[in-house]
Protein backbone atom coordinates (compact mmCIF):
# COMPACT_ATOMS: atom_id res chain seq x y z
CA MET A 1 -4.48 7.00 -41.42
CA ARG A 2 -2.88 7.42 -37.99
CA THR A 3 -2.85 4.62 -35.50
CA GLN A 4 -3.31 5.13 -31.78
CA ILE A 5 -0.67 6.97 -29.75
CA VAL A 6 1.98 4.58 -28.47
CA PRO A 7 1.32 3.58 -24.83
CA ARG A 8 4.09 4.26 -22.32
CA SER A 9 4.10 0.60 -21.35
CA ILE A 10 5.14 -0.27 -24.92
CA VAL A 11 7.85 2.40 -24.86
CA ALA A 12 9.09 1.05 -21.52
CA LYS A 13 9.20 -2.51 -22.80
CA ARG A 14 11.05 -1.46 -25.96
CA ALA A 15 13.56 0.59 -23.93
CA LEU A 16 14.78 -2.64 -22.36
CA GLU A 17 15.91 -3.98 -25.74
CA PHE A 18 19.52 -3.05 -25.03
CA ALA A 19 20.86 -4.57 -28.25
CA LYS A 20 19.26 -1.69 -30.17
CA PRO A 21 20.22 1.98 -29.89
CA ILE A 22 17.54 4.50 -28.94
CA SER A 23 17.55 5.95 -32.45
CA MET A 24 16.62 2.55 -33.93
CA LEU A 25 13.89 1.99 -31.34
CA LEU A 26 12.51 5.44 -32.03
CA ALA A 27 12.50 4.82 -35.77
CA GLU A 28 10.62 1.53 -35.27
CA LEU A 29 8.05 3.15 -32.98
CA THR A 30 7.66 6.07 -35.39
CA SER A 31 6.93 3.81 -38.34
CA GLN A 32 4.68 1.47 -36.36
CA TYR A 33 2.62 4.20 -34.68
CA GLN A 34 3.10 7.01 -37.26
CA LEU A 35 4.34 9.45 -34.61
CA ASN A 36 4.55 13.16 -35.29
CA ALA A 37 7.53 15.27 -34.17
CA THR A 38 6.09 16.04 -30.73
CA GLU A 39 5.29 12.38 -30.05
CA GLN A 40 8.77 11.37 -31.25
CA LYS A 41 10.36 13.79 -28.76
CA ARG A 42 8.19 12.41 -25.94
CA CYS A 43 9.10 8.82 -26.85
CA CYS A 44 12.79 9.66 -27.12
CA LYS A 45 12.72 11.38 -23.72
CA THR A 46 10.96 8.39 -22.16
CA LEU A 47 13.39 5.89 -23.75
CA LYS A 48 16.38 7.86 -22.46
CA ALA A 49 14.92 8.21 -18.98
CA ILE A 50 14.27 4.47 -18.72
CA ARG A 51 17.78 3.61 -19.87
CA VAL A 52 19.34 6.10 -17.42
CA GLY A 53 17.17 4.71 -14.62
CA HIS A 54 18.27 1.18 -15.46
CA LYS A 55 21.95 2.19 -15.36
CA GLN A 56 21.45 3.92 -12.01
CA LEU A 57 19.73 0.86 -10.58
CA ALA A 58 22.53 -1.43 -11.79
CA ARG A 59 25.15 0.90 -10.29
CA TYR A 60 23.23 0.97 -7.01
CA PHE A 61 23.22 -2.84 -6.86
CA ARG A 62 26.94 -3.04 -7.66
CA GLU A 63 27.77 -0.35 -5.11
CA HIS A 64 25.92 -2.14 -2.33
CA PHE A 65 26.84 -5.69 -3.18
CA GLY A 66 29.20 -5.83 -6.13
CA TYR A 67 30.06 -9.04 -7.91
CA LYS A 68 30.61 -11.09 -4.75
CA CYS A 69 28.08 -13.87 -5.39
CA CYS A 70 30.57 -16.71 -5.75
CA ASP A 71 28.91 -19.27 -3.50
CA GLU A 72 25.54 -20.15 -2.00
CA GLU A 73 26.14 -18.17 1.19
CA SER A 74 26.95 -14.93 -0.63
CA ARG A 75 24.00 -15.45 -3.00
CA GLY A 76 21.74 -15.88 0.04
CA ARG A 77 23.07 -12.65 1.59
CA TYR A 78 22.50 -10.85 -1.71
CA LEU A 79 18.92 -12.12 -1.99
CA ASP A 80 18.25 -11.13 1.64
CA TRP A 81 19.62 -7.64 0.94
CA LEU A 82 17.55 -7.39 -2.25
CA GLU A 83 14.39 -8.44 -0.41
CA ASP A 84 15.03 -5.83 2.29
CA GLU A 85 15.48 -3.15 -0.39
CA TYR A 86 12.28 -4.26 -2.12
CA GLN A 87 10.28 -4.15 1.10
CA THR A 88 11.65 -0.68 1.87
CA ILE A 89 10.49 0.53 -1.53
CA CYS A 90 7.08 -1.09 -1.08
CA ALA A 91 6.68 0.52 2.34
CA MET A 92 7.45 3.94 0.86
CA ASP A 93 4.87 3.34 -1.87
CA ILE A 94 2.13 2.27 0.57
CA GLU A 95 2.48 5.13 3.07
CA PRO A 96 -0.18 7.76 2.33
CA ASP A 97 0.86 11.33 1.63
CA SER A 98 -0.56 13.59 4.29
CA ASP A 99 -1.71 17.01 3.19
CA ASP A 100 -2.06 18.22 6.78
């Protein structure tokens, strides 16, 4: 008997288990949710996309701030920068798309 299709939120959470390769995560999800070949491909694609996105985000942070948080002042500047970036992203998400 098949279980329910694996939710993307579960796939996303599992993708952040960096100690395990994608093939192992996919095998675990396949056995737990009894995925067919099409569902396995979808899960694998989603796992890869999340991992690539995480790498890009880490590179973006390093590019804009690097590893310069040695003291309280630099940590404060980093947190201020991070908050500004977050608010920029939130503002982009809130602005309605106009179809006009």
